[in-house]
Amino acid sequence: MSNQRWQQQYLNSDGPGAPAEVLLQNQHLLPAKGKALDLACGIGANTLFLADRGLNCQAWDFSSVALEKLDACAREQQLSIQTKEIDLEREPFPDQRFDLIVVAHYLHRPLCEAICRALNPGGLLFYQTFCQQKTSDQGPSNPQFLLAENELLTLFQPLQPVVYREERLIGTVSEGFRNQAMLIAQKPLLAGEEPIEVKPT
């Protein structure tokens, strides 16, 4: 989908929608504090979810329309966030470090190395996007934007997997978490470092 079509889609959208399942199903693993990035954030359902839990959130996207809507939602909910308009497929990844990075429904493989570098030691990546093995036409059809089997584990190999889920076409395909894969992975700690504090549920 072209940038112009994405802009129009965001313009026609009613709101941010629901946070990604990788967050909802695994929120007990989120840190209690720290700096978070919602990458390719769209209207920012994940940003708002994380900011409401007390994290210091940045939200990056190429769409000015989406970011304006996100800023409005944040003001309405009295949440403090920072938005940044950036096209990371054409611009360098900013030299910043985060304790948590979330990516949902976006796949640009050349960014994976930069995402790993941007995590602080002990930092967590929450990633979820669409797979080639799907039970419906949900998500993109272009294989360039679809994950091959177990590909997330390969793309983020420098990180240590914590949670991985990819059900493919196994079993009763009308049930479960289908069409997508999710990964939670941690950047290895440096010697003597303590893990990031996890927020009690």
C-alpha atoms as a PDB file:
ATOM      1  CA  MET A   1       0.000   0.000   0.000  1.00  0.00           C
ATOM      2  CA  SER A   2       1.393   3.390  -0.995  1.00  0.00           C
ATOM      3  CA  ASN A   3       2.045   6.150   1.517  1.00  0.00           C
ATOM      4  CA  GLN A   4      -0.844   8.150   0.080  1.00  0.00           C
ATOM      5  CA  ARG A   5      -3.255   5.241   0.552  1.00  0.00           C
ATOM      6  CA  TRP A   6      -2.074   4.772   4.148  1.00  0.00           C
ATOM      7  CA  GLN A   7      -2.660   8.450   4.815  1.00  0.00           C
ATOM      8  CA  GLN A   8      -6.196   8.135   3.437  1.00  0.00           C
ATOM      9  CA  GLN A   9      -6.815   5.017   5.505  1.00  0.00           C
ATOM     10  CA  TYR A  10      -5.745   6.793   8.686  1.00  0.00           C
ATOM     11  CA  LEU A  11      -7.850   9.808   7.733  1.00  0.00           C
ATOM     12  CA  ASN A  12     -10.921   7.552   7.488  1.00  0.00           C
ATOM     13  CA  SER A  13     -10.164   5.651  10.690  1.00  0.00           C
ATOM     14  CA  ASP A  14     -12.387   6.224  13.719  1.00  0.00           C
ATOM     15  CA  GLY A  15      -9.683   5.689  16.334  1.00  0.00           C
ATOM     16  CA  PRO A  16      -6.620   3.725  17.419  1.00  0.00           C
ATOM     17  CA  GLY A  17      -8.400   0.395  17.903  1.00  0.00           C
ATOM     18  CA  ALA A  18      -7.152  -2.281  20.285  1.00  0.00           C
ATOM     19  CA  PRO A  19      -3.557  -2.942  21.360  1.00  0.00           C
ATOM     20  CA  ALA A  20      -1.724  -5.843  19.725  1.00  0.00           C
ATOM     21  CA  GLU A  21      -2.307  -9.324  21.112  1.00  0.00           C
ATOM     22  CA  VAL A  22       1.394  -9.688  21.864  1.00  0.00           C
ATOM     23  CA  LEU A  23       0.909  -6.937  24.463  1.00  0.00           C
ATOM     24  CA  LEU A  24      -2.502  -7.976  25.747  1.00  0.00           C
ATOM     25  CA  GLN A  25      -1.542 -11.621  26.214  1.00  0.00           C
ATOM     26  CA  ASN A  26       1.831 -10.870  27.795  1.00  0.00           C
ATOM     27  CA  GLN A  27       1.433  -7.608  29.675  1.00  0.00           C
ATOM     28  CA  HIS A  28       2.756  -9.291  32.815  1.00  0.00           C
ATOM     29  CA  LEU A  29       6.190  -9.226  31.134  1.00  0.00           C
ATOM     30  CA  LEU A  30       6.246  -5.463  30.596  1.00  0.00           C
ATOM     31  CA  PRO A  31       8.740  -3.403  32.594  1.00  0.00           C
ATOM     32  CA  ALA A  32       7.396  -1.214  35.397  1.00  0.00           C
ATOM     33  CA  LYS A  33       9.258   1.820  34.090  1.00  0.00           C
ATOM     34  CA  GLY A  34      11.600   2.916  31.349  1.00  0.00           C
ATOM     35  CA  LYS A  35      11.682   4.282  27.842  1.00  0.00           C
ATOM     36  CA  ALA A  36       9.432   2.624  25.251  1.00  0.00           C
ATOM     37  CA  LEU A  37       9.157   2.938  21.470  1.00  0.00           C
ATOM     38  CA  ASP A  38       6.088   2.072  19.411  1.00  0.00           C
ATOM     39  CA  LEU A  39       7.608   1.681  15.944  1.00  0.00           C
ATOM     40  CA  ALA A  40       5.309   2.149  12.914  1.00  0.00           C
ATOM     41  CA  CYS A  41       2.732   3.127  15.510  1.00  0.00           C
ATOM     42  CA  GLY A  42      -0.187   4.148  13.296  1.00  0.00           C
ATOM     43  CA  ILE A  43      -2.818   5.862  15.455  1.00  0.00           C
ATOM     44  CA  GLY A  44      -1.064   4.428  18.477  1.00  0.00           C
ATOM     45  CA  ALA A  45      -3.190   1.867  20.312  1.00  0.00           C
ATOM     46  CA  ASN A  46       0.025   0.313  21.632  1.00  0.00           C
ATOM     47  CA  THR A  47       1.490   3.705  22.588  1.00  0.00           C
ATOM     48  CA  LEU A  48      -1.584   4.647  24.611  1.00  0.00           C
ATOM     49  CA  PHE A  49      -1.639   1.238  26.307  1.00  0.00           C
ATOM     50  CA  LEU A  50       2.008   1.546  27.362  1.00  0.00           C
ATOM     51  CA  ALA A  51       1.766   5.190  28.423  1.00  0.00           C
ATOM     52  CA  ASP A  52      -1.233   4.340  30.594  1.00  0.00           C
ATOM     53  CA  ARG A  53       0.979   1.803  32.372  1.00  0.00           C
ATOM     54  CA  GLY A  54       3.509   4.520  33.225  1.00  0.00           C
ATOM     55  CA  LEU A  55       6.138   4.003  30.535  1.00  0.00           C
ATOM     56  CA  ASN A  56       7.893   6.964  28.895  1.00  0.00           C
ATOM     57  CA  CYS A  57       6.643   6.484  25.324  1.00  0.00           C
ATOM     58  CA  GLN A  58       7.801   7.575  21.913  1.00  0.00           C
ATOM     59  CA  ALA A  59       5.683   6.819  18.844  1.00  0.00           C
ATOM     60  CA  TRP A  60       7.222   6.869  15.364  1.00  0.00           C
ATOM     61  CA  ASP A  61       5.415   6.684  12.028  1.00  0.00           C
ATOM     62  CA  PHE A  62       5.694   8.157   8.529  1.00  0.00           C
ATOM     63  CA  SER A  63       2.062   9.308   8.599  1.00  0.00           C
ATOM     64  CA  SER A  64       1.418  12.831   9.826  1.00  0.00           C
ATOM     65  CA  VAL A  65      -2.317  12.045   9.813  1.00  0.00           C
ATOM     66  CA  ALA A  66      -1.886   9.079  12.151  1.00  0.00           C
ATOM     67  CA  LEU A  67       0.382  11.023  14.506  1.00  0.00           C
ATOM     68  CA  GLU A  68      -2.006  13.963  14.710  1.00  0.00           C
ATOM     69  CA  LYS A  69      -4.811  11.582  15.673  1.00  0.00           C
ATOM     70  CA  LEU A  70      -2.562   9.890  18.231  1.00  0.00           C
ATOM     71  CA  ASP A  71      -1.613  13.240  19.781  1.00  0.00           C
ATOM     72  CA  ALA A  72      -5.300  14.101  20.084  1.00  0.00           C
ATOM     73  CA  CYS A  73      -6.084  10.763  21.758  1.00  0.00           C
ATOM     74  CA  ALA A  74      -3.204  11.227  24.191  1.00  0.00           C
ATOM     75  CA  ARG A  75      -4.405  14.697  25.165  1.00  0.00           C
ATOM     76  CA  GLU A  76      -7.938  13.392  25.660  1.00  0.00           C
ATOM     77  CA  GLN A  77      -6.646  10.603  27.919  1.00  0.00           C
ATOM     78  CA  GLN A  78      -4.192  12.971  29.653  1.00  0.00           C
ATOM     79  CA  LEU A  79      -1.211  10.847  28.686  1.00  0.00           C
ATOM     80  CA  SER A  80       2.240  12.230  27.947  1.00  0.00           C
ATOM     81  CA  ILE A  81       3.834  10.821  24.787  1.00  0.00           C
ATOM     82  CA  GLN A  82       6.323  11.984  22.144  1.00  0.00           C
ATOM     83  CA  THR A  83       5.522  11.490  18.466  1.00  0.00           C
ATOM     84  CA  LYS A  84       8.011  11.567  15.612  1.00  0.00           C
ATOM     85  CA  GLU A  85       7.237  11.689  11.897  1.00  0.00           C
ATOM     86  CA  ILE A  86       9.869   9.559  10.192  1.00  0.00           C
ATOM     87  CA  ASP A  87      10.098   7.178   7.233  1.00  0.00           C
ATOM     88  CA  LEU A  88      12.619   4.601   8.384  1.00  0.00           C
ATOM     89  CA  GLU A  89      12.659   2.922   4.987  1.00  0.00           C
ATOM     90  CA  ARG A  90      14.285   6.093   3.632  1.00  0.00           C
ATOM     91  CA  GLU A  91      15.837   7.794   6.682  1.00  0.00           C
ATOM     92  CA  PRO A  92      18.486   6.565   9.154  1.00  0.00           C
ATOM     93  CA  PHE A  93      17.311   4.992  12.391  1.00  0.00           C
ATOM     94  CA  PRO A  94      17.826   7.651  15.111  1.00  0.00           C
ATOM     95  CA  ASP A  95      20.625   6.976  17.584  1.00  0.00           C
ATOM     96  CA  GLN A  96      18.433   6.352  20.626  1.00  0.00           C
ATOM     97  CA  ARG A  97      18.109   3.521  23.149  1.00  0.00           C
ATOM     98  CA  PHE A  98      14.983   1.978  24.621  1.00  0.00           C
ATOM     99  CA  ASP A  99      14.013  -0.462  27.353  1.00  0.00           C
ATOM    100  CA  LEU A 100      11.063  -1.683  25.290  1.00  0.00           C
ATOM    101  CA  ILE A 101      10.307  -1.668  21.559  1.00  0.00           C
ATOM    102  CA  VAL A 102       6.937  -2.702  20.155  1.00  0.00           C
ATOM    103  CA  VAL A 103       6.290  -3.410  16.489  1.00  0.00           C
ATOM    104  CA  ALA A 104       2.891  -4.605  15.266  1.00  0.00           C
ATOM    105  CA  HIS A 105       1.642  -5.302  11.752  1.00  0.00           C
ATOM    106  CA  TYR A 106       4.763  -3.970  10.086  1.00  0.00           C
ATOM    107  CA  LEU A 107       7.646  -5.801   8.447  1.00  0.00           C
ATOM    108  CA  HIS A 108      10.710  -4.196   6.887  1.00  0.00           C
ATOM    109  CA  ARG A 109      13.518  -6.695   7.272  1.00  0.00           C
ATOM    110  CA  PRO A 110      16.442  -4.239   6.837  1.00  0.00           C
ATOM    111  CA  LEU A 111      15.367  -2.531  10.095  1.00  0.00           C
ATOM    112  CA  CYS A 112      15.776  -5.610  12.276  1.00  0.00           C
ATOM    113  CA  GLU A 113      19.462  -5.075  13.019  1.00  0.00           C
ATOM    114  CA  ALA A 114      18.847  -1.430  13.964  1.00  0.00           C
ATOM    115  CA  ILE A 115      15.975  -2.454  16.241  1.00  0.00           C
ATOM    116  CA  CYS A 116      18.278  -4.845  18.075  1.00  0.00           C
ATOM    117  CA  ARG A 117      20.922  -2.151  18.453  1.00  0.00           C
ATOM    118  CA  ALA A 118      18.346   0.312  19.785  1.00  0.00           C
ATOM    119  CA  LEU A 119      17.479  -1.898  22.749  1.00  0.00           C
ATOM    120  CA  ASN A 120      19.272  -1.321  26.029  1.00  0.00           C
ATOM    121  CA  PRO A 121      20.882  -4.436  27.540  1.00  0.00           C
ATOM    122  CA  GLY A 122      18.059  -6.336  29.199  1.00  0.00           C
ATOM    123  CA  GLY A 123      15.549  -4.505  27.000  1.00  0.00           C
ATOM    124  CA  LEU A 124      12.553  -6.284  25.498  1.00  0.00           C
ATOM    125  CA  LEU A 125      11.181  -6.507  21.973  1.00  0.00           C
ATOM    126  CA  PHE A 126       7.455  -7.224  21.508  1.00  0.00           C
ATOM    127  CA  TYR A 127       6.838  -8.022  17.829  1.00  0.00           C
ATOM    128  CA  GLN A 128       3.731  -9.245  16.003  1.00  0.00           C
ATOM    129  CA  THR A 129       2.911  -9.388  12.305  1.00  0.00           C
ATOM    130  CA  PHE A 130       1.384 -11.492   9.542  1.00  0.00           C
ATOM    131  CA  CYS A 131       2.606 -14.868   8.222  1.00  0.00           C
ATOM    132  CA  GLN A 132       2.616 -16.512   4.831  1.00  0.00           C
ATOM    133  CA  GLN A 133       0.562 -19.403   6.246  1.00  0.00           C
ATOM    134  CA  LYS A 134      -2.824 -17.759   6.831  1.00  0.00           C
ATOM    135  CA  THR A 135      -6.341 -19.069   7.284  1.00  0.00           C
ATOM    136  CA  SER A 136      -7.929 -15.985   5.701  1.00  0.00           C
ATOM    137  CA  ASP A 137      -7.074 -12.964   3.566  1.00  0.00           C
ATOM    138  CA  GLN A 138      -6.395 -10.892   6.693  1.00  0.00           C
ATOM    139  CA  GLY A 139      -3.318  -8.710   6.325  1.00  0.00           C
ATOM    140  CA  PRO A 140      -1.164  -8.100   3.239  1.00  0.00           C
ATOM    141  CA  SER A 141      -1.020 -10.454   0.249  1.00  0.00           C
ATOM    142  CA  ASN A 142       2.467  -9.481  -0.941  1.00  0.00           C
ATOM    143  CA  PRO A 143       4.976 -12.104   0.350  1.00  0.00           C
ATOM    144  CA  GLN A 144       7.475  -9.276   0.928  1.00  0.00           C
ATOM    145  CA  PHE A 145       5.373  -8.241   3.930  1.00  0.00           C
ATOM    146  CA  LEU A 146       4.640 -11.754   5.238  1.00  0.00           C
ATOM    147  CA  LEU A 147       6.786 -13.867   7.534  1.00  0.00           C
ATOM    148  CA  ALA A 148       8.128 -17.234   6.460  1.00  0.00           C
ATOM    149  CA  GLU A 149       7.938 -20.096   8.938  1.00  0.00           C
ATOM    150  CA  ASN A 150       9.837 -19.212  12.144  1.00  0.00           C
ATOM    151  CA  GLU A 151      11.328 -16.168  10.430  1.00  0.00           C
ATOM    152  CA  LEU A 152      10.969 -13.845  13.436  1.00  0.00           C
ATOM    153  CA  LEU A 153      13.355 -16.080  15.373  1.00  0.00           C
ATOM    154  CA  THR A 154      15.926 -15.686  12.599  1.00  0.00           C
ATOM    155  CA  LEU A 155      15.466 -11.950  12.052  1.00  0.00           C
ATOM    156  CA  PHE A 156      16.103 -11.216  15.731  1.00  0.00           C
ATOM    157  CA  GLN A 157      18.659 -13.937  16.403  1.00  0.00           C
ATOM    158  CA  PRO A 158      20.922 -11.697  18.573  1.00  0.00           C
ATOM    159  CA  LEU A 159      18.076 -11.510  21.116  1.00  0.00           C
ATOM    160  CA  GLN A 160      17.035 -14.216  23.564  1.00  0.00           C
ATOM    161  CA  PRO A 161      13.488 -15.504  22.910  1.00  0.00           C
ATOM    162  CA  VAL A 162      11.114 -15.284  25.871  1.00  0.00           C
ATOM    163  CA  VAL A 163       7.794 -16.021  24.127  1.00  0.00           C
ATOM    164  CA  TYR A 164       7.222 -17.262  20.590  1.00  0.00           C
ATOM    165  CA  ARG A 165       3.880 -18.182  19.055  1.00  0.00           C
ATOM    166  CA  GLU A 166       3.159 -19.192  15.464  1.00  0.00           C
ATOM    167  CA  GLU A 167       0.334 -21.704  15.039  1.00  0.00           C
ATOM    168  CA  ARG A 168       0.375 -21.850  11.225  1.00  0.00           C
ATOM    169  CA  LEU A 169      -2.247 -24.322   9.902  1.00  0.00           C
ATOM    170  CA  ILE A 170      -1.961 -26.886  12.673  1.00  0.00           C
ATOM    171  CA  GLY A 171      -5.030 -28.346  14.362  1.00  0.00           C
ATOM    172  CA  THR A 172      -8.424 -26.626  14.404  1.00  0.00           C
ATOM    173  CA  VAL A 173      -7.662 -23.584  12.284  1.00  0.00           C
ATOM    174  CA  SER A 174     -10.878 -21.800  13.264  1.00  0.00           C
ATOM    175  CA  GLU A 175      -9.515 -21.440  16.796  1.00  0.00           C
ATOM    176  CA  GLY A 176      -6.406 -19.983  18.396  1.00  0.00           C
ATOM    177  CA  PHE A 177      -3.972 -17.262  17.327  1.00  0.00           C
ATOM    178  CA  ARG A 178      -3.890 -17.550  13.538  1.00  0.00           C
ATOM    179  CA  ASN A 179      -2.499 -15.601  10.577  1.00  0.00           C
ATOM    180  CA  GLN A 180       0.284 -13.961  12.603  1.00  0.00           C
ATOM    181  CA  ALA A 181       3.377 -14.740  14.630  1.00  0.00           C
ATOM    182  CA  MET A 182       4.426 -13.067  17.851  1.00  0.00           C
ATOM    183  CA  LEU A 183       7.830 -12.816  19.494  1.00  0.00           C
ATOM    184  CA  ILE A 184       8.980 -11.421  22.808  1.00  0.00           C
ATOM    185  CA  ALA A 185      12.758 -11.387  23.073  1.00  0.00           C
ATOM    186  CA  GLN A 186      15.331  -9.831  25.364  1.00  0.00           C
ATOM    187  CA  LYS A 187      18.678  -8.273  24.609  1.00  0.00           C
ATOM    188  CA  PRO A 188      21.321 -10.068  26.682  1.00  0.00           C
ATOM    189  CA  LEU A 189      22.404  -8.302  29.849  1.00  0.00           C
ATOM    190  CA  LEU A 190      25.938  -7.093  30.300  1.00  0.00           C
ATOM    191  CA  ALA A 191      27.967  -8.793  33.024  1.00  0.00           C
ATOM    192  CA  GLY A 192      26.783  -7.721  36.461  1.00  0.00           C
ATOM    193  CA  GLU A 193      23.630  -5.950  35.265  1.00  0.00           C
ATOM    194  CA  GLU A 194      20.243  -6.460  36.874  1.00  0.00           C
ATOM    195  CA  PRO A 195      17.174  -7.281  34.754  1.00  0.00           C
ATOM    196  CA  ILE A 196      14.561  -4.567  34.133  1.00  0.00           C
ATOM    197  CA  GLU A 197      11.946  -4.406  36.872  1.00  0.00           C
ATOM    198  CA  VAL A 198       8.663  -5.985  35.804  1.00  0.00           C
ATOM    199  CA  LYS A 199       5.388  -4.269  36.681  1.00  0.00           C
ATOM    200  CA  PRO A 200       3.317  -6.307  39.169  1.00  0.00           C
ATOM    201  CA  THR A 201      -0.126  -7.344  37.899  1.00  0.00           C
END
